Amino acid sequence: MPLNTSSLLAPDGARRLPAVSVVVCLLGLSCAAPVLAADAGDAAAGAKKNSMCIGCHGIPDYHTAFPEVYRVPRLGGQHQAYLVSALKQYRAGDRSHPTMRAIAGSLSDADIANLAAYYAAGTVRTASK
């Protein structure tokens, strides 16, 4: 049976969304809001929790030799969603750096969100400032 699309057109011939579609979209957005708010994080709380981060990430142009020689990335100003994702990947074992896996393994979801908010704010002080 063919779909009757004439009910989707307004009197002037313009397409319109059925009310059910609008309600479904609004419900979806309202359900997503608490999740997004939970990931927002508290930068002030992150500033209090970052002592385990600054030993490497707080030194400009720092290189480490464990488990191999590489430049430690700067975190200040990094995208918050990226930081949350990376820390959760370390915690889950999807990223292999042993030190980061151990540190991320000790963090709760709230800790991760707070640290990400702190570093994403871009106001991070380094050892040289």
C-alpha atoms as a PDB file:
ATOM      1  CA  MET A   1       0.000   0.000   0.000  1.00  0.00           C
ATOM      2  CA  PRO A   2       1.552   3.358  -1.006  1.00  0.00           C
ATOM      3  CA  LEU A   3       2.186   6.001   1.618  1.00  0.00           C
ATOM      4  CA  ASN A   4      -0.220   8.945   1.505  1.00  0.00           C
ATOM      5  CA  THR A   5       2.091  11.957   1.633  1.00  0.00           C
ATOM      6  CA  SER A   6      -0.629  14.548   1.120  1.00  0.00           C
ATOM      7  CA  SER A   7      -1.106  14.718   4.897  1.00  0.00           C
ATOM      8  CA  LEU A   8       2.509  15.887   5.205  1.00  0.00           C
ATOM      9  CA  LEU A   9       1.857  19.002   3.149  1.00  0.00           C
ATOM     10  CA  ALA A  10       0.558  22.273   4.538  1.00  0.00           C
ATOM     11  CA  PRO A  11      -2.239  24.077   2.645  1.00  0.00           C
ATOM     12  CA  ASP A  12       0.374  26.132   0.770  1.00  0.00           C
ATOM     13  CA  GLY A  13       2.057  22.932  -0.434  1.00  0.00           C
ATOM     14  CA  ALA A  14       5.057  23.160   1.904  1.00  0.00           C
ATOM     15  CA  ARG A  15       6.164  19.985   3.657  1.00  0.00           C
ATOM     16  CA  ARG A  16       5.559  19.732   7.400  1.00  0.00           C
ATOM     17  CA  LEU A  17       6.680  17.282  10.027  1.00  0.00           C
ATOM     18  CA  PRO A  18       4.045  15.156  11.659  1.00  0.00           C
ATOM     19  CA  ALA A  19       3.513  16.105  15.306  1.00  0.00           C
ATOM     20  CA  VAL A  20       4.741  12.672  16.387  1.00  0.00           C
ATOM     21  CA  SER A  21       8.147  13.323  14.795  1.00  0.00           C
ATOM     22  CA  VAL A  22       8.487  16.620  16.610  1.00  0.00           C
ATOM     23  CA  VAL A  23       7.559  15.030  19.943  1.00  0.00           C
ATOM     24  CA  VAL A  24      10.047  12.191  19.406  1.00  0.00           C
ATOM     25  CA  CYS A  25      12.822  14.670  18.615  1.00  0.00           C
ATOM     26  CA  LEU A  26      12.058  16.742  21.710  1.00  0.00           C
ATOM     27  CA  LEU A  27      11.994  13.639  23.906  1.00  0.00           C
ATOM     28  CA  GLY A  28      15.342  12.568  22.509  1.00  0.00           C
ATOM     29  CA  LEU A  29      16.874  15.942  23.270  1.00  0.00           C
ATOM     30  CA  SER A  30      15.459  16.002  26.788  1.00  0.00           C
ATOM     31  CA  CYS A  31      16.924  12.556  27.479  1.00  0.00           C
ATOM     32  CA  ALA A  32      20.334  13.584  26.148  1.00  0.00           C
ATOM     33  CA  ALA A  33      20.544  16.776  28.238  1.00  0.00           C
ATOM     34  CA  PRO A  34      21.404  15.042  31.564  1.00  0.00           C
ATOM     35  CA  VAL A  35      24.113  13.002  29.842  1.00  0.00           C
ATOM     36  CA  LEU A  36      25.639  16.107  28.300  1.00  0.00           C
ATOM     37  CA  ALA A  37      25.426  17.952  31.610  1.00  0.00           C
ATOM     38  CA  ALA A  38      27.117  15.061  33.415  1.00  0.00           C
ATOM     39  CA  ASP A  39      30.054  15.246  30.989  1.00  0.00           C
ATOM     40  CA  ALA A  40      30.330  19.029  31.383  1.00  0.00           C
ATOM     41  CA  GLY A  41      32.652  18.696  34.365  1.00  0.00           C
ATOM     42  CA  ASP A  42      33.745  21.217  36.972  1.00  0.00           C
ATOM     43  CA  ALA A  43      37.008  22.949  36.053  1.00  0.00           C
ATOM     44  CA  ALA A  44      37.621  24.070  39.651  1.00  0.00           C
ATOM     45  CA  ALA A  45      37.349  20.463  40.847  1.00  0.00           C
ATOM     46  CA  GLY A  46      39.649  19.407  38.010  1.00  0.00           C
ATOM     47  CA  ALA A  47      42.241  21.964  39.107  1.00  0.00           C
ATOM     48  CA  LYS A  48      42.282  20.317  42.533  1.00  0.00           C
ATOM     49  CA  LYS A  49      42.623  16.829  41.030  1.00  0.00           C
ATOM     50  CA  ASN A  50      45.385  17.445  38.471  1.00  0.00           C
ATOM     51  CA  SER A  51      48.413  16.801  40.695  1.00  0.00           C
ATOM     52  CA  MET A  52      48.970  13.428  39.033  1.00  0.00           C
ATOM     53  CA  CYS A  53      48.897  15.097  35.591  1.00  0.00           C
ATOM     54  CA  ILE A  54      51.228  18.061  36.001  1.00  0.00           C
ATOM     55  CA  GLY A  55      54.329  15.958  36.656  1.00  0.00           C
ATOM     56  CA  CYS A  56      54.501  15.247  32.926  1.00  0.00           C
ATOM     57  CA  HIS A  57      51.880  17.377  31.190  1.00  0.00           C
ATOM     58  CA  GLY A  58      52.767  20.518  33.172  1.00  0.00           C
ATOM     59  CA  ILE A  59      56.320  20.769  31.836  1.00  0.00           C
ATOM     60  CA  PRO A  60      56.614  22.567  28.476  1.00  0.00           C
ATOM     61  CA  ASP A  61      58.206  20.415  25.748  1.00  0.00           C
ATOM     62  CA  TYR A  62      58.760  17.550  28.183  1.00  0.00           C
ATOM     63  CA  HIS A  63      60.015  14.243  26.789  1.00  0.00           C
ATOM     64  CA  THR A  64      59.764  10.987  28.654  1.00  0.00           C
ATOM     65  CA  ALA A  65      61.683   7.774  28.183  1.00  0.00           C
ATOM     66  CA  PHE A  66      59.084   5.300  29.447  1.00  0.00           C
ATOM     67  CA  PRO A  67      57.919   3.131  27.826  1.00  0.00           C
ATOM     68  CA  GLU A  68      59.702   4.801  24.890  1.00  0.00           C
ATOM     69  CA  VAL A  69      61.032   8.272  24.132  1.00  0.00           C
ATOM     70  CA  TYR A  70      58.284  10.644  23.037  1.00  0.00           C
ATOM     71  CA  ARG A  71      57.104  14.203  23.610  1.00  0.00           C
ATOM     72  CA  VAL A  72      54.403  14.417  26.264  1.00  0.00           C
ATOM     73  CA  PRO A  73      51.369  16.186  24.787  1.00  0.00           C
ATOM     74  CA  ARG A  74      50.213  19.552  26.067  1.00  0.00           C
ATOM     75  CA  LEU A  75      46.730  19.285  27.543  1.00  0.00           C
ATOM     76  CA  GLY A  76      45.814  22.935  28.129  1.00  0.00           C
ATOM     77  CA  GLY A  77      43.342  24.125  25.507  1.00  0.00           C
ATOM     78  CA  GLN A  78      42.654  20.621  24.185  1.00  0.00           C
ATOM     79  CA  HIS A  79      39.046  19.804  23.273  1.00  0.00           C
ATOM     80  CA  GLN A  80      37.111  18.583  26.300  1.00  0.00           C
ATOM     81  CA  ALA A  81      35.356  15.759  24.447  1.00  0.00           C
ATOM     82  CA  TYR A  82      38.713  14.482  23.199  1.00  0.00           C
ATOM     83  CA  LEU A  83      40.186  14.498  26.714  1.00  0.00           C
ATOM     84  CA  VAL A  84      37.174  12.629  28.128  1.00  0.00           C
ATOM     85  CA  SER A  85      37.363  10.082  25.318  1.00  0.00           C
ATOM     86  CA  ALA A  86      41.122   9.578  25.670  1.00  0.00           C
ATOM     87  CA  LEU A  87      41.002   9.106  29.446  1.00  0.00           C
ATOM     88  CA  LYS A  88      38.131   6.642  29.164  1.00  0.00           C
ATOM     89  CA  GLN A  89      40.058   4.733  26.484  1.00  0.00           C
ATOM     90  CA  TYR A  90      43.123   4.538  28.745  1.00  0.00           C
ATOM     91  CA  ARG A  91      40.932   3.398  31.635  1.00  0.00           C
ATOM     92  CA  ALA A  92      39.304   0.694  29.489  1.00  0.00           C
ATOM     93  CA  GLY A  93      42.668  -0.509  28.186  1.00  0.00           C
ATOM     94  CA  ASP A  94      41.976   0.612  24.614  1.00  0.00           C
ATOM     95  CA  ARG A  95      45.112   2.787  24.733  1.00  0.00           C
ATOM     96  CA  SER A  96      48.300   1.107  25.793  1.00  0.00           C
ATOM     97  CA  HIS A  97      50.504   3.619  27.666  1.00  0.00           C
ATOM     98  CA  PRO A  98      51.085   1.885  31.035  1.00  0.00           C
ATOM     99  CA  THR A  99      51.383   5.033  33.164  1.00  0.00           C
ATOM    100  CA  MET A 100      48.290   6.620  31.642  1.00  0.00           C
ATOM    101  CA  ARG A 101      46.357   3.364  32.011  1.00  0.00           C
ATOM    102  CA  ALA A 102      47.222   3.240  35.719  1.00  0.00           C
ATOM    103  CA  ILE A 103      46.306   6.884  36.301  1.00  0.00           C
ATOM    104  CA  ALA A 104      43.080   6.744  34.288  1.00  0.00           C
ATOM    105  CA  GLY A 105      42.156   3.496  36.041  1.00  0.00           C
ATOM    106  CA  SER A 106      42.018   5.390  39.324  1.00  0.00           C
ATOM    107  CA  LEU A 107      39.644   8.061  37.967  1.00  0.00           C
ATOM    108  CA  SER A 108      35.858   8.090  38.217  1.00  0.00           C
ATOM    109  CA  ASP A 109      33.690   9.422  35.389  1.00  0.00           C
ATOM    110  CA  ALA A 110      33.266  12.643  37.410  1.00  0.00           C
ATOM    111  CA  ASP A 111      37.059  12.963  37.846  1.00  0.00           C
ATOM    112  CA  ILE A 112      37.541  12.531  34.107  1.00  0.00           C
ATOM    113  CA  ALA A 113      34.887  15.133  33.291  1.00  0.00           C
ATOM    114  CA  ASN A 114      36.377  17.572  35.817  1.00  0.00           C
ATOM    115  CA  LEU A 115      39.949  17.165  34.551  1.00  0.00           C
ATOM    116  CA  ALA A 116      38.776  17.532  30.956  1.00  0.00           C
ATOM    117  CA  ALA A 117      36.891  20.729  31.850  1.00  0.00           C
ATOM    118  CA  TYR A 118      39.979  22.102  33.592  1.00  0.00           C
ATOM    119  CA  TYR A 119      42.363  21.393  30.734  1.00  0.00           C
ATOM    120  CA  ALA A 120      39.892  22.417  28.021  1.00  0.00           C
ATOM    121  CA  ALA A 121      39.498  25.840  29.652  1.00  0.00           C
ATOM    122  CA  GLY A 122      43.016  26.593  28.452  1.00  0.00           C
ATOM    123  CA  THR A 123      44.016  28.515  31.587  1.00  0.00           C
ATOM    124  CA  VAL A 124      46.397  25.813  32.746  1.00  0.00           C
ATOM    125  CA  ARG A 125      49.585  27.000  34.402  1.00  0.00           C
ATOM    126  CA  THR A 126      52.751  25.153  33.493  1.00  0.00           C
ATOM    127  CA  ALA A 127      55.910  24.807  35.521  1.00  0.00           C
ATOM    128  CA  SER A 128      57.486  27.755  33.664  1.00  0.00           C
ATOM    129  CA  LYS A 129      54.686  30.241  34.461  1.00  0.00           C
END
